[in-house]
Amino acid sequence: HLGATAEHLYVFQRTPSSVDVRANRPTEPDWAENLEPGWQQRRMENFNILVSGGYQKEDLVGDGWTEIYRRLAKIVPPDGYESLSKGQLAEITEIADFQKMNQVRTRVDTIVRDPGTAEALKPYYRQFCKRPCYHDEYLDTFNRPNVTLVDTRGQGVERVTETGIVANGRHYEVDCVIFATGFEVGTSYSRRSGYEVIGRDGTTLSEKWAHGPRTFHGLHSRNFPNCYFMGLIQGALSPNFPHMLNEQAKQISHVVGEAKRRGVTVVEASQRAEESWVSTIKRKARLGRRFFAECTPGYYNNEGKLDTENGFLSNVYGGGPVEFFEILKAWRDEGELEGLELS
């Protein structure tokens, strides 16, 4: 849209994004009308298992996110995943990743007419080093005569002036700047939310979490009764963010429902439960450390600084979303609210 309406559009690029086919299209009415009850939950679970590296006989979503795993299924032995060692599976996954990224790079050559621009737009890293992007019109925008790609070769812009932007030692005069900074990761919860949370005895959340979050299941934090946290903090990352929020909402509604049923008004994590969960997070959070250490800088690997307390990998449950959701469900099924103090 910007390329079509701006007199001239400069796109300043630090690192090329992996931009694959989105294949956006209308939903077939007949398909929608014949869906059986529970279809959405089945699709969410199927997708979640596949993008977590698990196996499913059928890919119910069949989008760009799951394509690498469809490729993986084509090159595994006939007797399946069970016959593979961890090393063999890692090698096959690497092949599938390379094939996929070569396809993405080839697509750039197919669409972008200027060879220099096309080369600069090609991602040169593994697929999941950065969040994959899907768009049907993005690459073709660079064929417009009024659109210029400014490739900063990993450095980013140098500075913003009163009248423009400096990159690669050159000043670009512009009327309007759209500053696409991406996600803010690793800063304090209070900074990102825009307000301070004050708990028992005047303790602020910023003070308690100064050296990293401390929670139980990523949802409760001691000395902050009846306060629930949702998102990635000491929980699990899923590409389908609403699915993750839905599972957290199930957990919170279960706790609130049980508290009402038992006639209690205060719910708080016990010290022991919190310490145990923090220990679990630290033990499992860096399971993908080697992979991300070899990636280009980004918020996944804290801009290449992996050994910090507040990095992205440091505070996400490393066992993956499938395992994390199973932990929450098993806890609910036990029905004891273990780890919570009620009063």
Foldseek 3Di string as FASTA:
>chain_A
DCLVPPQFAEAEDQAAAQEAAQPDDDDDPVVVVPDDPPNVVVLVVLLQQQLLPHDDPDNPPPGPSNVLSVLLVVPDDPVDDVVDDPVRSVVSSVVSQVVVLVVSLVVLPVQAPDVVVSVRNRGDAGNVLDPHHYDDCVSNSNNDPRYHYHYLHNPTWDDADPAATHGPNDTDGDDDDDDCPDDDFLDDPCVVVVHWDAFPPRDIQCVVQVQHDFAQQQFADARHKPGGDDDFFLEADTPPRVVRRVLSVVLVVLVVVVLVVVVFDIKHFDPVNRVVSLVQLQVQLCPVVVRNLPHQADQQCPGNPNPGCRGSSNGGGNVHNVVSSVVSVVCVVVVPPPRMDTD
